Structure formats: C-alpha cells, structure tokens
Amino acid sequence: METEKITVRLPVHLVRAVDTFIRMGEFASRSEAIRRALKKFIEEMMQDASEKAEMWMKLQELQAFTEEIEKLRKK
C-alpha cells in the first residue's frame, strides 16, 4: 500500500485520548489510530451517500409516476 505523509492539527484532548488507547494496546501508534478512524468515517460517508442516492432515485420514480397520473386525469 502506497502512503503519503500529511500533517494534521488536532485538539489536545483528542491526542490525549488516542495516546491513552495506545497505552491500553488498542493501537500501535497515532498513525494507526487515525487511519482506522478515517477508514470508518469514509465507510460511513459512503453508506450515507448510497442511501441518499437510493432516496433520490425513489423520489424521481415517484415524480414520474405523479406526472403520469396527472396526464391521465387531464384526458
């Protein structure tokens, strides 16, 4: 896996929380903790985007159906 180094500024309380989890053995490093958190965040955002796209498609289908009903009523 290719990686790229970035610099991120975080509030001190978040860094302390991450460091606590490192001491507890949950993560090997700050980088690992941030990678895992970012991966989870991206997965959640992708799920949200997928759900929104599905709702948009249903809305478009409903709109088309409504337009067809209006055409039939006018006849």
N, C-alpha and C. Protein backbone atom coordinates (compact mmCIF):
# COMPACT_ATOMS: atom_id res chain seq x y z
N MET A 1 0.84 -1.18 0.00
CA MET A 1 0.00 0.00 0.00
C MET A 1 0.89 1.25 0.00
N GLU A 2 0.64 2.10 -0.97
CA GLU A 2 1.37 3.36 -1.04
C GLU A 2 0.80 4.32 -0.01
N THR A 3 1.67 5.06 0.64
CA THR A 3 1.21 6.02 1.65
C THR A 3 1.78 7.39 1.36
N GLU A 4 1.16 8.38 1.97
CA GLU A 4 1.61 9.76 1.86
C GLU A 4 1.56 10.39 3.23
N LYS A 5 2.59 11.07 3.58
CA LYS A 5 2.66 11.71 4.89
C LYS A 5 1.91 13.04 4.84
N ILE A 6 1.06 13.27 5.86
CA ILE A 6 0.35 14.54 5.98
C ILE A 6 0.52 15.06 7.40
N THR A 7 0.28 16.32 7.58
CA THR A 7 0.32 16.92 8.90
C THR A 7 -1.10 17.29 9.29
N VAL A 8 -1.49 16.91 10.49
CA VAL A 8 -2.83 17.20 10.97
C VAL A 8 -2.73 17.82 12.35
N ARG A 9 -3.45 18.89 12.56
CA ARG A 9 -3.51 19.51 13.89
C ARG A 9 -4.82 19.09 14.53
N LEU A 10 -4.71 18.57 15.76
CA LEU A 10 -5.88 18.09 16.49
C LEU A 10 -5.94 18.75 17.86
N PRO A 11 -7.14 18.86 18.40
CA PRO A 11 -7.24 19.37 19.78
C PRO A 11 -6.49 18.44 20.74
N VAL A 12 -5.91 19.03 21.75
CA VAL A 12 -5.09 18.27 22.70
C VAL A 12 -5.89 17.13 23.32
N HIS A 13 -7.16 17.33 23.64
CA HIS A 13 -7.93 16.27 24.29
C HIS A 13 -8.08 15.04 23.39
N LEU A 14 -8.14 15.24 22.07
CA LEU A 14 -8.21 14.10 21.17
C LEU A 14 -6.89 13.35 21.11
N VAL A 15 -5.79 14.09 21.09
CA VAL A 15 -4.47 13.45 21.07
C VAL A 15 -4.27 12.66 22.36
N ARG A 16 -4.66 13.23 23.47
CA ARG A 16 -4.52 12.51 24.75
C ARG A 16 -5.37 11.24 24.76
N ALA A 17 -6.58 11.32 24.20
CA ALA A 17 -7.43 10.13 24.14
C ALA A 17 -6.79 9.05 23.29
N VAL A 18 -6.24 9.43 22.14
CA VAL A 18 -5.57 8.46 21.26
C VAL A 18 -4.38 7.85 21.99
N ASP A 19 -3.59 8.69 22.66
CA ASP A 19 -2.43 8.19 23.40
C ASP A 19 -2.84 7.21 24.50
N THR A 20 -3.98 7.46 25.12
CA THR A 20 -4.48 6.54 26.14
C THR A 20 -4.79 5.18 25.53
N PHE A 21 -5.44 5.19 24.36
CA PHE A 21 -5.73 3.92 23.69
C PHE A 21 -4.46 3.20 23.26
N ILE A 22 -3.44 3.95 22.89
CA ILE A 22 -2.16 3.34 22.54
C ILE A 22 -1.57 2.64 23.76
N ARG A 23 -1.59 3.32 24.89
CA ARG A 23 -1.06 2.72 26.13
C ARG A 23 -1.86 1.48 26.52
N MET A 24 -3.15 1.47 26.21
CA MET A 24 -4.00 0.32 26.52
C MET A 24 -3.78 -0.83 25.54
N GLY A 25 -3.02 -0.56 24.46
CA GLY A 25 -2.73 -1.60 23.49
C GLY A 25 -3.72 -1.69 22.35
N GLU A 26 -4.64 -0.74 22.27
CA GLU A 26 -5.65 -0.75 21.21
C GLU A 26 -5.03 -0.41 19.85
N PHE A 27 -4.05 0.47 19.85
CA PHE A 27 -3.34 0.88 18.63
C PHE A 27 -1.85 0.81 18.87
N ALA A 28 -1.11 0.58 17.79
CA ALA A 28 0.35 0.56 17.90
C ALA A 28 0.92 1.98 17.84
N SER A 29 0.19 2.89 17.19
CA SER A 29 0.70 4.25 17.01
C SER A 29 -0.45 5.21 16.76
N ARG A 30 -0.13 6.50 16.81
CA ARG A 30 -1.12 7.53 16.47
C ARG A 30 -1.57 7.36 15.01
N SER A 31 -0.62 7.06 14.16
CA SER A 31 -0.96 6.87 12.74
C SER A 31 -1.99 5.77 12.55
N GLU A 32 -1.79 4.66 13.25
CA GLU A 32 -2.73 3.55 13.13
C GLU A 32 -4.12 3.97 13.62
N ALA A 33 -4.18 4.69 14.72
CA ALA A 33 -5.46 5.14 15.26
C ALA A 33 -6.17 6.06 14.27
N ILE A 34 -5.44 6.99 13.69
CA ILE A 34 -6.03 7.94 12.75
C ILE A 34 -6.46 7.23 11.47
N ARG A 35 -5.64 6.29 10.99
CA ARG A 35 -6.03 5.52 9.80
C ARG A 35 -7.34 4.77 10.03
N ARG A 36 -7.44 4.11 11.19
CA ARG A 36 -8.65 3.34 11.48
C ARG A 36 -9.87 4.25 11.60
N ALA A 37 -9.71 5.38 12.27
CA ALA A 37 -10.82 6.33 12.42
C ALA A 37 -11.24 6.90 11.07
N LEU A 38 -10.28 7.24 10.24
CA LEU A 38 -10.58 7.81 8.93
C LEU A 38 -11.24 6.78 8.02
N LYS A 39 -10.79 5.54 8.10
CA LYS A 39 -11.39 4.48 7.30
C LYS A 39 -12.86 4.30 7.68
N LYS A 40 -13.13 4.27 8.99
CA LYS A 40 -14.52 4.12 9.46
C LYS A 40 -15.36 5.31 9.02
N PHE A 41 -14.82 6.51 9.12
CA PHE A 41 -15.53 7.71 8.71
C PHE A 41 -15.88 7.65 7.23
N ILE A 42 -14.94 7.27 6.39
CA ILE A 42 -15.18 7.19 4.95
C ILE A 42 -16.22 6.13 4.63
N GLU A 43 -16.16 4.99 5.31
CA GLU A 43 -17.17 3.94 5.10
C GLU A 43 -18.56 4.46 5.45
N GLU A 44 -18.68 5.19 6.56
CA GLU A 44 -19.97 5.75 6.96
C GLU A 44 -20.46 6.79 5.96
N MET A 45 -19.56 7.63 5.47
CA MET A 45 -19.94 8.65 4.48
C MET A 45 -20.39 8.00 3.18
N MET A 46 -19.72 6.92 2.78
CA MET A 46 -20.11 6.22 1.57
C MET A 46 -21.49 5.58 1.73
N GLN A 47 -21.76 5.02 2.90
CA GLN A 47 -23.07 4.44 3.18
C GLN A 47 -24.14 5.52 3.13
N ASP A 48 -23.88 6.66 3.74
CA ASP A 48 -24.83 7.77 3.71
C ASP A 48 -25.09 8.22 2.28
N ALA A 49 -24.02 8.33 1.49
CA ALA A 49 -24.17 8.76 0.10
C ALA A 49 -24.99 7.75 -0.69
N SER A 50 -24.78 6.48 -0.43
CA SER A 50 -25.52 5.42 -1.10
C SER A 50 -27.01 5.51 -0.74
N GLU A 51 -27.31 5.71 0.53
CA GLU A 51 -28.70 5.83 0.97
C GLU A 51 -29.36 7.06 0.35
N LYS A 52 -28.64 8.17 0.27
CA LYS A 52 -29.19 9.38 -0.33
C LYS A 52 -29.45 9.18 -1.82
N ALA A 53 -28.56 8.49 -2.50
CA ALA A 53 -28.75 8.21 -3.93
C ALA A 53 -29.98 7.34 -4.13
N GLU A 54 -30.18 6.36 -3.25
CA GLU A 54 -31.34 5.48 -3.35
C GLU A 54 -32.63 6.28 -3.13
N MET A 55 -32.62 7.17 -2.14
CA MET A 55 -33.80 8.00 -1.89
C MET A 55 -34.08 8.91 -3.08
N TRP A 56 -33.02 9.46 -3.67
CA TRP A 56 -33.18 10.34 -4.83
C TRP A 56 -33.82 9.59 -5.99
N MET A 57 -33.38 8.35 -6.22
CA MET A 57 -33.96 7.54 -7.30
C MET A 57 -35.44 7.27 -7.03
N LYS A 58 -35.80 6.96 -5.79
CA LYS A 58 -37.20 6.71 -5.44
C LYS A 58 -38.03 7.97 -5.63
N LEU A 59 -37.46 9.11 -5.27
CA LEU A 59 -38.15 10.38 -5.44
C LEU A 59 -38.40 10.66 -6.92
N GLN A 60 -37.41 10.40 -7.75
CA GLN A 60 -37.58 10.59 -9.19
C GLN A 60 -38.64 9.66 -9.76
N GLU A 61 -38.68 8.41 -9.30
CA GLU A 61 -39.70 7.47 -9.74
C GLU A 61 -41.09 7.95 -9.32
N LEU A 62 -41.20 8.45 -8.10
CA LEU A 62 -42.48 8.95 -7.61
C LEU A 62 -42.92 10.17 -8.41
N GLN A 63 -41.99 11.04 -8.72
CA GLN A 63 -42.31 12.23 -9.51
C GLN A 63 -42.79 11.82 -10.90
N ALA A 64 -42.14 10.87 -11.52
CA ALA A 64 -42.55 10.41 -12.85
C ALA A 64 -43.94 9.78 -12.77
N PHE A 65 -44.19 9.00 -11.74
CA PHE A 65 -45.49 8.37 -11.56
C PHE A 65 -46.58 9.44 -11.38
N THR A 66 -46.29 10.46 -10.59
CA THR A 66 -47.23 11.55 -10.36
C THR A 66 -47.53 12.28 -11.66
N GLU A 67 -46.51 12.51 -12.46
CA GLU A 67 -46.71 13.17 -13.74
C GLU A 67 -47.60 12.34 -14.66
N GLU A 68 -47.43 11.02 -14.65
CA GLU A 68 -48.26 10.14 -15.47
C GLU A 68 -49.71 10.18 -15.01
N ILE A 69 -49.93 10.21 -13.72
CA ILE A 69 -51.30 10.29 -13.19
C ILE A 69 -51.94 11.61 -13.61
N GLU A 70 -51.19 12.69 -13.54
CA GLU A 70 -51.72 13.99 -13.94
C GLU A 70 -52.10 13.99 -15.42
N LYS A 71 -51.31 13.35 -16.25
CA LYS A 71 -51.63 13.25 -17.68
C LYS A 71 -52.93 12.48 -17.88
N LEU A 72 -53.10 11.38 -17.13
CA LEU A 72 -54.32 10.58 -17.25
C LEU A 72 -55.55 11.36 -16.77
N ARG A 73 -55.38 12.16 -15.76
CA ARG A 73 -56.50 12.95 -15.24
C ARG A 73 -56.97 13.99 -16.24
N LYS A 74 -56.03 14.53 -17.00
CA LYS A 74 -56.36 15.58 -17.96
C LYS A 74 -57.08 15.04 -19.18
N LYS A 75 -57.01 13.75 -19.42
CA LYS A 75 -57.64 13.14 -20.61
C LYS A 75 -59.11 13.01 -20.44
